[in-house]
PDB file of all heavy atoms in Angstrom:
ATOM      1  N   ASP A   1     134.612 -56.749  60.970  1.00  0.00           N
ATOM      2  CA  ASP A   1     133.574 -56.096  60.071  1.00  0.00           C
ATOM      3  C   ASP A   1     134.109 -55.010  59.323  1.00  0.00           C
ATOM      4  O   ASP A   1     133.174 -54.314  58.675  1.00  0.00           O
ATOM      5  CB  ASP A   1     132.380 -55.841  60.960  1.00  0.00           C
ATOM      6  CG  ASP A   1     132.683 -54.853  62.088  1.00  0.00           C
ATOM      7  OD1 ASP A   1     133.902 -54.312  62.116  1.00  0.00           O
ATOM      8  OD2 ASP A   1     131.891 -54.486  62.984  1.00  0.00           O
ATOM      9  N   GLY A   2     135.352 -54.674  59.292  1.00  0.00           N
ATOM     10  CA  GLY A   2     135.943 -53.523  58.561  1.00  0.00           C
ATOM     11  C   GLY A   2     135.621 -52.258  59.106  1.00  0.00           C
ATOM     12  O   GLY A   2     135.921 -51.201  58.421  1.00  0.00           O
ATOM     13  N   THR A   3     134.987 -52.035  60.222  1.00  0.00           N
ATOM     14  CA  THR A   3     134.627 -50.699  60.730  1.00  0.00           C
ATOM     15  C   THR A   3     136.027 -49.914  61.174  1.00  0.00           C
ATOM     16  O   THR A   3     136.898 -50.711  61.649  1.00  0.00           O
ATOM     17  CB  THR A   3     133.769 -50.736  61.929  1.00  0.00           C
ATOM     18  OG1 THR A   3     134.277 -51.702  62.934  1.00  0.00           O
ATOM     19  CG2 THR A   3     132.395 -51.130  61.511  1.00  0.00           C
ATOM     20  N   GLU A   4     136.003 -48.708  61.057  1.00  0.00           N
ATOM     21  CA  GLU A   4     137.133 -47.883  61.417  1.00  0.00           C
ATOM     22  C   GLU A   4     136.976 -47.256  62.777  1.00  0.00           C
ATOM     23  O   GLU A   4     135.881 -46.616  62.927  1.00  0.00           O
ATOM     24  CB  GLU A   4     137.449 -46.796  60.299  1.00  0.00           C
ATOM     25  CG  GLU A   4     137.633 -47.568  58.990  1.00  0.00           C
ATOM     26  CD  GLU A   4     138.684 -46.929  58.203  1.00  0.00           C
ATOM     27  OE1 GLU A   4     139.765 -46.499  58.659  1.00  0.00           O
ATOM     28  OE2 GLU A   4     138.429 -46.624  57.039  1.00  0.00           O
ATOM     29  N   THR A   5     137.920 -47.489  63.511  1.00  0.00           N
ATOM     30  CA  THR A   5     137.780 -46.847  64.932  1.00  0.00           C
ATOM     31  C   THR A   5     138.993 -45.936  65.272  1.00  0.00           C
ATOM     32  O   THR A   5     140.083 -46.238  65.000  1.00  0.00           O
ATOM     33  CB  THR A   5     137.733 -48.049  66.098  1.00  0.00           C
ATOM     34  OG1 THR A   5     136.651 -48.878  65.733  1.00  0.00           O
ATOM     35  CG2 THR A   5     137.621 -47.531  67.440  1.00  0.00           C
ATOM     36  N   ILE A   6     138.599 -44.865  65.932  1.00  0.00           N
ATOM     37  CA  ILE A   6     139.705 -43.931  66.421  1.00  0.00           C
ATOM     38  C   ILE A   6     139.633 -43.820  67.823  1.00  0.00           C
ATOM     39  O   ILE A   6     138.505 -43.737  68.328  1.00  0.00           O
ATOM     40  CB  ILE A   6     139.464 -42.580  65.753  1.00  0.00           C
ATOM     41  CG1 ILE A   6     139.891 -42.704  64.226  1.00  0.00           C
ATOM     42  CG2 ILE A   6     140.267 -41.512  66.484  1.00  0.00           C
ATOM     43  CD1 ILE A   6     139.406 -41.480  63.404  1.00  0.00           C
ATOM     44  N   VAL A   7     140.843 -43.943  68.471  1.00  0.00           N
ATOM     45  CA  VAL A   7     140.805 -43.787  70.017  1.00  0.00           C
ATOM     46  C   VAL A   7     141.766 -42.741  70.369  1.00  0.00           C
ATOM     47  O   VAL A   7     142.769 -42.510  69.838  1.00  0.00           O
ATOM     48  CB  VAL A   7     141.345 -45.137  70.621  1.00  0.00           C
ATOM     49  CG1 VAL A   7     141.575 -45.032  72.096  1.00  0.00           C
ATOM     50  CG2 VAL A   7     140.546 -46.345  70.281  1.00  0.00           C
ATOM     51  N   THR A   8     141.239 -41.884  71.280  1.00  0.00           N
ATOM     52  CA  THR A   8     141.884 -40.732  71.725  1.00  0.00           C
ATOM     53  C   THR A   8     142.158 -40.703  73.289  1.00  0.00           C
ATOM     54  O   THR A   8     141.229 -41.228  73.882  1.00  0.00           O
ATOM     55  CB  THR A   8     141.330 -39.346  71.358  1.00  0.00           C
ATOM     56  OG1 THR A   8     139.975 -39.396  71.817  1.00  0.00           O
ATOM     57  CG2 THR A   8     141.342 -39.111  69.869  1.00  0.00           C
ATOM     58  N   GLY A   9     143.221 -40.182  73.753  1.00  0.00           N
ATOM     59  CA  GLY A   9     143.498 -40.061  75.279  1.00  0.00           C
ATOM     60  C   GLY A   9     143.848 -38.669  75.567  1.00  0.00           C
ATOM     61  O   GLY A   9     144.570 -37.967  74.712  1.00  0.00           O
ATOM     62  N   SER A  10     143.425 -38.292  76.776  1.00  0.00           N
ATOM     63  CA  SER A  10     143.583 -36.838  77.088  1.00  0.00           C
ATOM     64  C   SER A  10     143.955 -36.493  78.330  1.00  0.00           C
ATOM     65  O   SER A  10     143.818 -37.434  79.263  1.00  0.00           O
ATOM     66  CB  SER A  10     142.125 -36.076  76.809  1.00  0.00           C
ATOM     67  OG  SER A  10     142.035 -34.865  77.450  1.00  0.00           O
ATOM     68  N   LEU A  11     144.437 -35.286  78.692  1.00  0.00           N
ATOM     69  CA  LEU A  11     144.794 -34.775  79.997  1.00  0.00           C
ATOM     70  C   LEU A  11     143.595 -34.839  80.879  1.00  0.00           C
ATOM     71  O   LEU A  11     143.755 -34.664  82.216  1.00  0.00           O
ATOM     72  CB  LEU A  11     145.512 -33.420  79.901  1.00  0.00           C
ATOM     73  CG  LEU A  11     146.168 -32.788  80.972  1.00  0.00           C
ATOM     74  CD1 LEU A  11     147.101 -33.659  81.669  1.00  0.00           C
ATOM     75  CD2 LEU A  11     146.772 -31.575  80.588  1.00  0.00           C
ATOM     76  N   ASP A  12     142.279 -34.862  80.260  1.00  0.00           N
ATOM     77  CA  ASP A  12     141.098 -34.953  81.098  1.00  0.00           C
ATOM     78  C   ASP A  12     140.840 -36.369  81.743  1.00  0.00           C
ATOM     79  O   ASP A  12     139.817 -36.561  82.250  1.00  0.00           O
ATOM     80  CB  ASP A  12     139.936 -34.465  80.240  1.00  0.00           C
ATOM     81  CG  ASP A  12     139.515 -35.432  79.092  1.00  0.00           C
ATOM     82  OD1 ASP A  12     140.065 -36.668  79.025  1.00  0.00           O
ATOM     83  OD2 ASP A  12     138.661 -35.129  78.421  1.00  0.00           O
ATOM     84  N   ASP A  13     141.795 -37.199  81.641  1.00  0.00           N
ATOM     85  CA  ASP A  13     141.757 -38.628  82.237  1.00  0.00           C
ATOM     86  C   ASP A  13     140.863 -39.579  81.476  1.00  0.00           C
ATOM     87  O   ASP A  13     140.867 -40.746  81.782  1.00  0.00           O
ATOM     88  CB  ASP A  13     141.208 -38.645  83.675  1.00  0.00           C
ATOM     89  CG  ASP A  13     141.951 -37.607  84.654  1.00  0.00           C
ATOM     90  OD1 ASP A  13     142.851 -37.022  84.053  1.00  0.00           O
ATOM     91  OD2 ASP A  13     141.436 -37.497  85.844  1.00  0.00           O
ATOM     92  N   MET A  14     140.374 -39.154  80.435  1.00  0.00           N
ATOM     93  CA  MET A  14     139.492 -40.016  79.631  1.00  0.00           C
ATOM     94  C   MET A  14     140.145 -40.654  78.357  1.00  0.00           C
ATOM     95  O   MET A  14     140.842 -39.993  77.712  1.00  0.00           O
ATOM     96  CB  MET A  14     138.215 -39.195  79.107  1.00  0.00           C
ATOM     97  CG  MET A  14     137.487 -38.526  80.180  1.00  0.00           C
ATOM     98  SD  MET A  14     136.675 -39.952  81.210  1.00  0.00           S
ATOM     99  CE  MET A  14     136.010 -39.001  82.550  1.00  0.00           C
ATOM    100  N   VAL A  15     139.589 -41.709  77.981  1.00  0.00           N
ATOM    101  CA  VAL A  15     139.849 -42.379  76.692  1.00  0.00           C
ATOM    102  C   VAL A  15     138.599 -42.434  75.913  1.00  0.00           C
ATOM    103  O   VAL A  15     137.574 -42.825  76.488  1.00  0.00           O
ATOM    104  CB  VAL A  15     140.297 -43.854  76.887  1.00  0.00           C
ATOM    105  CG1 VAL A  15     140.505 -44.529  75.534  1.00  0.00           C
ATOM    106  CG2 VAL A  15     141.623 -43.892  77.631  1.00  0.00           C
ATOM    107  N   LYS A  16     138.547 -41.988  74.705  1.00  0.00           N
ATOM    108  CA  LYS A  16     137.415 -41.850  74.048  1.00  0.00           C
ATOM    109  C   LYS A  16     137.464 -42.703  72.676  1.00  0.00           C
ATOM    110  O   LYS A  16     138.565 -42.751  72.052  1.00  0.00           O
ATOM    111  CB  LYS A  16     136.915 -40.403  73.623  1.00  0.00           C
ATOM    112  CG  LYS A  16     136.453 -39.566  74.847  1.00  0.00           C
ATOM    113  CD  LYS A  16     135.897 -38.330  74.320  1.00  0.00           C
ATOM    114  CE  LYS A  16     135.337 -37.569  75.719  1.00  0.00           C
ATOM    115  NZ  LYS A  16     134.612 -36.365  75.172  1.00  0.00           N
ATOM    116  N   VAL A  17     136.439 -43.337  72.384  1.00  0.00           N
ATOM    117  CA  VAL A  17     136.384 -44.284  71.206  1.00  0.00           C
ATOM    118  C   VAL A  17     135.394 -43.633  70.214  1.00  0.00           C
ATOM    119  O   VAL A  17     134.241 -43.348  70.541  1.00  0.00           O
ATOM    120  CB  VAL A  17     135.895 -45.743  71.596  1.00  0.00           C
ATOM    121  CG1 VAL A  17     135.849 -46.572  70.387  1.00  0.00           C
ATOM    122  CG2 VAL A  17     136.904 -46.323  72.663  1.00  0.00           C
ATOM    123  N   TRP A  18     135.813 -43.444  68.940  1.00  0.00           N
ATOM    124  CA  TRP A  18     135.116 -42.864  67.972  1.00  0.00           C
ATOM    125  C   TRP A  18     134.960 -43.751  66.737  1.00  0.00           C
ATOM    126  O   TRP A  18     135.891 -44.458  66.437  1.00  0.00           O
ATOM    127  CB  TRP A  18     135.746 -41.542  67.442  1.00  0.00           C
ATOM    128  CG  TRP A  18     136.178 -40.606  68.545  1.00  0.00           C
ATOM    129  CD1 TRP A  18     137.315 -40.729  69.249  1.00  0.00           C
ATOM    130  CD2 TRP A  18     135.422 -39.409  68.997  1.00  0.00           C
ATOM    131  NE1 TRP A  18     137.452 -39.775  70.120  1.00  0.00           N
ATOM    132  CE2 TRP A  18     136.393 -38.835  69.981  1.00  0.00           C
ATOM    133  CE3 TRP A  18     134.406 -38.738  68.506  1.00  0.00           C
ATOM    134  CZ2 TRP A  18     135.957 -37.761  70.691  1.00  0.00           C
ATOM    135  CZ3 TRP A  18     134.053 -37.577  69.253  1.00  0.00           C
ATOM    136  CH2 TRP A  18     134.826 -37.047  70.194  1.00  0.00           C
ATOM    137  N   LYS A  19     133.730 -43.796  66.129  1.00  0.00           N
ATOM    138  CA  LYS A  19     133.580 -44.435  64.880  1.00  0.00           C
ATOM    139  C   LYS A  19     133.849 -43.494  63.777  1.00  0.00           C
ATOM    140  O   LYS A  19     133.200 -42.314  63.760  1.00  0.00           O
ATOM    141  CB  LYS A  19     132.127 -45.118  64.868  1.00  0.00           C
ATOM    142  CG  LYS A  19     131.995 -46.473  65.355  1.00  0.00           C
ATOM    143  CD  LYS A  19     132.607 -47.668  64.379  1.00  0.00           C
ATOM    144  CE  LYS A  19     132.607 -49.001  65.140  1.00  0.00           C
ATOM    145  NZ  LYS A  19     133.865 -49.115  65.799  1.00  0.00           N
ATOM    146  N   TRP A  20     134.549 -43.900  62.619  1.00  0.00           N
ATOM    147  CA  TRP A  20     134.774 -43.050  61.511  1.00  0.00           C
ATOM    148  C   TRP A  20     133.939 -43.779  60.359  1.00  0.00           C
ATOM    149  O   TRP A  20     134.216 -44.855  59.985  1.00  0.00           O
ATOM    150  CB  TRP A  20     136.164 -42.980  61.206  1.00  0.00           C
ATOM    151  CG  TRP A  20     136.422 -42.401  59.846  1.00  0.00           C
ATOM    152  CD1 TRP A  20     136.698 -43.011  58.593  1.00  0.00           C
ATOM    153  CD2 TRP A  20     136.366 -40.914  59.620  1.00  0.00           C
ATOM    154  NE1 TRP A  20     136.867 -41.994  57.602  1.00  0.00           N
ATOM    155  CE2 TRP A  20     136.619 -40.699  58.206  1.00  0.00           C
ATOM    156  CE3 TRP A  20     136.044 -39.846  60.262  1.00  0.00           C
ATOM    157  CZ2 TRP A  20     136.631 -39.495  57.586  1.00  0.00           C
ATOM    158  CZ3 TRP A  20     136.013 -38.591  59.779  1.00  0.00           C
ATOM    159  CH2 TRP A  20     136.357 -38.360  58.411  1.00  0.00           C
ATOM    160  N   SER A  21     132.832 -43.114  60.006  1.00  0.00           N
ATOM    161  CA  SER A  21     132.015 -43.581  58.893  1.00  0.00           C
ATOM    162  C   SER A  21     131.298 -42.468  58.191  1.00  0.00           C
ATOM    163  O   SER A  21     131.074 -41.468  58.903  1.00  0.00           O
ATOM    164  CB  SER A  21     131.026 -44.642  59.274  1.00  0.00           C
ATOM    165  OG  SER A  21     130.127 -44.129  60.108  1.00  0.00           O
ATOM    166  N   ASP A  22     131.025 -42.570  56.933  1.00  0.00           N
ATOM    167  CA  ASP A  22     130.473 -41.536  56.198  1.00  0.00           C
ATOM    168  C   ASP A  22     131.121 -40.091  56.289  1.00  0.00           C
ATOM    169  O   ASP A  22     130.518 -39.110  56.488  1.00  0.00           O
ATOM    170  CB  ASP A  22     128.997 -41.217  56.495  1.00  0.00           C
ATOM    171  CG  ASP A  22     128.137 -42.526  56.327  1.00  0.00           C
ATOM    172  OD1 ASP A  22     128.462 -43.296  55.370  1.00  0.00           O
ATOM    173  OD2 ASP A  22     127.266 -42.716  57.165  1.00  0.00           O
ATOM    174  N   GLU A  23     132.467 -40.328  56.369  1.00  0.00           N
ATOM    175  CA  GLU A  23     133.388 -39.053  56.444  1.00  0.00           C
ATOM    176  C   GLU A  23     133.044 -38.176  57.618  1.00  0.00           C
ATOM    177  O   GLU A  23     133.365 -37.011  57.685  1.00  0.00           O
ATOM    178  CB  GLU A  23     133.275 -38.182  55.191  1.00  0.00           C
ATOM    179  CG  GLU A  23     133.307 -39.033  53.988  1.00  0.00           C
ATOM    180  CD  GLU A  23     134.659 -38.796  53.051  1.00  0.00           C
ATOM    181  OE1 GLU A  23     134.708 -37.634  52.553  1.00  0.00           O
ATOM    182  OE2 GLU A  23     135.353 -39.686  52.887  1.00  0.00           O
ATOM    183  N   LYS A  24     132.633 -38.780  58.773  1.00  0.00           N
ATOM    184  CA  LYS A  24     132.522 -38.062  60.044  1.00  0.00           C
ATOM    185  C   LYS A  24     132.874 -38.893  61.211  1.00  0.00           C
ATOM    186  O   LYS A  24     132.706 -40.177  61.181  1.00  0.00           O
ATOM    187  CB  LYS A  24     131.128 -37.355  60.161  1.00  0.00           C
ATOM    188  CG  LYS A  24     130.024 -38.226  60.141  1.00  0.00           C
ATOM    189  CD  LYS A  24     128.746 -37.458  60.342  1.00  0.00           C
ATOM    190  CE  LYS A  24     127.634 -38.234  60.568  1.00  0.00           C
ATOM    191  NZ  LYS A  24     127.145 -39.156  59.403  1.00  0.00           N
ATOM    192  N   LEU A  25     133.094 -38.268  62.384  1.00  0.00           N
ATOM    193  CA  LEU A  25     133.422 -39.003  63.670  1.00  0.00           C
ATOM    194  C   LEU A  25     132.197 -39.067  64.514  1.00  0.00           C
ATOM    195  O   LEU A  25     131.521 -38.113  64.506  1.00  0.00           O
ATOM    196  CB  LEU A  25     134.396 -38.295  64.401  1.00  0.00           C
ATOM    197  CG  LEU A  25     135.985 -38.547  64.125  1.00  0.00           C
ATOM    198  CD1 LEU A  25     136.837 -37.747  65.056  1.00  0.00           C
ATOM    199  CD2 LEU A  25     136.220 -39.937  64.097  1.00  0.00           C
ATOM    200  N   GLU A  26     131.958 -40.224  65.028  1.00  0.00           N
ATOM    201  CA  GLU A  26     130.736 -40.389  65.961  1.00  0.00           C
ATOM    202  C   GLU A  26     131.342 -40.963  67.232  1.00  0.00           C
ATOM    203  O   GLU A  26     132.022 -41.949  67.303  1.00  0.00           O
ATOM    204  CB  GLU A  26     129.779 -41.309  65.395  1.00  0.00           C
ATOM    205  CG  GLU A  26     128.257 -41.105  65.746  1.00  0.00           C
ATOM    206  CD  GLU A  26     127.368 -42.111  64.776  1.00  0.00           C
ATOM    207  OE1 GLU A  26     127.421 -41.915  63.589  1.00  0.00           O
ATOM    208  OE2 GLU A  26     126.843 -42.850  65.526  1.00  0.00           O
ATOM    209  N   LEU A  27     131.078 -40.319  68.443  1.00  0.00           N
ATOM    210  CA  LEU A  27     131.481 -40.814  69.763  1.00  0.00           C
ATOM    211  C   LEU A  27     130.899 -42.097  69.995  1.00  0.00           C
ATOM    212  O   LEU A  27     129.431 -42.102  70.064  1.00  0.00           O
ATOM    213  CB  LEU A  27     131.319 -39.646  70.770  1.00  0.00           C
ATOM    214  CG  LEU A  27     131.926 -40.067  72.082  1.00  0.00           C
ATOM    215  CD1 LEU A  27     133.314 -40.323  72.219  1.00  0.00           C
ATOM    216  CD2 LEU A  27     131.422 -39.084  73.283  1.00  0.00           C
ATOM    217  N   GLN A  28     131.511 -43.073  70.208  1.00  0.00           N
ATOM    218  CA  GLN A  28     130.938 -44.415  70.518  1.00  0.00           C
ATOM    219  C   GLN A  28     131.024 -44.729  72.090  1.00  0.00           C
ATOM    220  O   GLN A  28     130.003 -45.063  72.746  1.00  0.00           O
ATOM    221  CB  GLN A  28     131.634 -45.557  69.768  1.00  0.00           C
ATOM    222  CG  GLN A  28     130.784 -46.660  69.645  1.00  0.00           C
ATOM    223  CD  GLN A  28     131.479 -47.797  68.864  1.00  0.00           C
ATOM    224  OE1 GLN A  28     132.644 -47.804  68.630  1.00  0.00           O
ATOM    225  NE2 GLN A  28     130.545 -48.751  68.295  1.00  0.00           N
ATOM    226  N   TRP A  29     132.205 -44.535  72.737  1.00  0.00           N
ATOM    227  CA  TRP A  29     132.419 -44.758  74.176  1.00  0.00           C
ATOM    228  C   TRP A  29     133.234 -43.730  74.790  1.00  0.00           C
ATOM    229  O   TRP A  29     134.171 -43.269  74.132  1.00  0.00           O
ATOM    230  CB  TRP A  29     133.061 -46.225  74.505  1.00  0.00           C
ATOM    231  CG  TRP A  29     132.599 -47.314  73.567  1.00  0.00           C
ATOM    232  CD1 TRP A  29     133.317 -47.893  72.527  1.00  0.00           C
ATOM    233  CD2 TRP A  29     131.392 -48.024  73.706  1.00  0.00           C
ATOM    234  NE1 TRP A  29     132.635 -48.999  72.146  1.00  0.00           N
ATOM    235  CE2 TRP A  29     131.351 -49.110  72.797  1.00  0.00           C
ATOM    236  CE3 TRP A  29     130.298 -47.951  74.679  1.00  0.00           C
ATOM    237  CZ2 TRP A  29     130.426 -50.019  72.694  1.00  0.00           C
ATOM    238  CZ3 TRP A  29     129.333 -49.011  74.534  1.00  0.00           C
ATOM    239  CH2 TRP A  29     129.363 -49.961  73.529  1.00  0.00           C
ATOM    240  N   THR A  30     132.915 -43.365  76.072  1.00  0.00           N
ATOM    241  CA  THR A  30     133.808 -42.585  76.789  1.00  0.00           C
ATOM    242  C   THR A  30     134.198 -43.580  77.911  1.00  0.00           C
ATOM    243  O   THR A  30     133.501 -44.000  78.752  1.00  0.00           O
ATOM    244  CB  THR A  30     133.124 -41.455  77.382  1.00  0.00           C
ATOM    245  OG1 THR A  30     132.882 -40.540  76.378  1.00  0.00           O
ATOM    246  CG2 THR A  30     134.270 -40.483  78.287  1.00  0.00           C
ATOM    247  N   LEU A  31     135.570 -43.937  77.909  1.00  0.00           N
ATOM    248  CA  LEU A  31     136.063 -44.987  78.795  1.00  0.00           C
ATOM    249  C   LEU A  31     136.707 -44.276  80.015  1.00  0.00           C
ATOM    250  O   LEU A  31     137.707 -43.581  79.984  1.00  0.00           O
ATOM    251  CB  LEU A  31     137.068 -45.775  78.122  1.00  0.00           C
ATOM    252  CG  LEU A  31     136.662 -46.441  76.719  1.00  0.00           C
ATOM    253  CD1 LEU A  31     137.811 -47.159  76.043  1.00  0.00           C
ATOM    254  CD2 LEU A  31     135.377 -47.413  76.888  1.00  0.00           C
ATOM    255  N   GLU A  32     136.097 -44.572  81.272  1.00  0.00           N
ATOM    256  CA  GLU A  32     136.494 -43.997  82.451  1.00  0.00           C
ATOM    257  C   GLU A  32     137.221 -45.024  83.222  1.00  0.00           C
ATOM    258  O   GLU A  32     136.947 -46.257  83.164  1.00  0.00           O
ATOM    259  CB  GLU A  32     135.229 -43.441  83.337  1.00  0.00           C
ATOM    260  CG  GLU A  32     134.460 -42.299  82.535  1.00  0.00           C
ATOM    261  CD  GLU A  32     133.373 -41.873  83.306  1.00  0.00           C
ATOM    262  OE1 GLU A  32     133.477 -42.003  84.592  1.00  0.00           O
ATOM    263  OE2 GLU A  32     132.477 -41.347  82.695  1.00  0.00           O
ATOM    264  N   GLY A  33     138.353 -44.606  83.970  1.00  0.00           N
ATOM    265  CA  GLY A  33     139.071 -45.492  84.744  1.00  0.00           C
ATOM    266  C   GLY A  33     140.437 -45.058  85.187  1.00  0.00           C
ATOM    267  O   GLY A  33     140.788 -44.961  86.345  1.00  0.00           O
ATOM    268  N   HIS A  34     140.982 -44.278  84.268  1.00  0.00           N
ATOM    269  CA  HIS A  34     142.309 -43.628  84.676  1.00  0.00           C
ATOM    270  C   HIS A  34     142.079 -42.529  85.560  1.00  0.00           C
ATOM    271  O   HIS A  34     141.165 -41.767  85.439  1.00  0.00           O
ATOM    272  CB  HIS A  34     142.996 -43.129  83.356  1.00  0.00           C
ATOM    273  CG  HIS A  34     143.688 -44.251  82.530  1.00  0.00           C
ATOM    274  ND1 HIS A  34     144.627 -45.066  82.992  1.00  0.00           N
ATOM    275  CD2 HIS A  34     143.472 -44.688  81.267  1.00  0.00           C
ATOM    276  CE1 HIS A  34     145.009 -45.814  82.071  1.00  0.00           C
ATOM    277  NE2 HIS A  34     144.178 -45.764  81.054  1.00  0.00           N
ATOM    278  N   GLN A  35     142.997 -42.408  86.606  1.00  0.00           N
ATOM    279  CA  GLN A  35     142.887 -41.379  87.543  1.00  0.00           C
ATOM    280  C   GLN A  35     143.636 -40.103  87.179  1.00  0.00           C
ATOM    281  O   GLN A  35     143.407 -39.018  87.869  1.00  0.00           O
ATOM    282  CB  GLN A  35     143.575 -41.825  88.910  1.00  0.00           C
ATOM    283  CG  GLN A  35     142.880 -43.172  89.401  1.00  0.00           C
ATOM    284  CD  GLN A  35     141.434 -43.114  89.668  1.00  0.00           C
ATOM    285  OE1 GLN A  35     140.969 -42.296  90.337  1.00  0.00           O
ATOM    286  NE2 GLN A  35     140.570 -44.079  89.049  1.00  0.00           N
ATOM    287  N   LEU A  36     144.486 -40.112  86.229  1.00  0.00           N
ATOM    288  CA  LEU A  36     145.271 -39.130  85.696  1.00  0.00           C
ATOM    289  C   LEU A  36     145.309 -39.066  84.188  1.00  0.00           C
ATOM    290  O   LEU A  36     144.698 -39.976  83.550  1.00  0.00           O
ATOM    291  CB  LEU A  36     146.648 -39.089  86.372  1.00  0.00           C
ATOM    292  CG  LEU A  36     146.878 -38.878  87.785  1.00  0.00           C
ATOM    293  CD1 LEU A  36     148.281 -39.274  88.263  1.00  0.00           C
ATOM    294  CD2 LEU A  36     146.561 -37.459  88.165  1.00  0.00           C
ATOM    295  N   GLY A  37     145.937 -37.926  83.616  1.00  0.00           N
ATOM    296  CA  GLY A  37     146.027 -37.818  82.198  1.00  0.00           C
ATOM    297  C   GLY A  37     146.416 -39.104  81.512  1.00  0.00           C
ATOM    298  O   GLY A  37     147.344 -39.853  81.835  1.00  0.00           O
TER     299      GLY A  37
END
C-alpha cells in the first residue's frame, strides 16, 4: 500500500514501529519480547 514504516531498536529492550505520514512520526506498535538491548 505504499505506506512508510520506521523501525527502531533500543537499549530499553524494545522494538518500536512508527508510521511516517504527513511529515510526522506516529507510534504504531511497541514490540515486546527481547530480554536485553
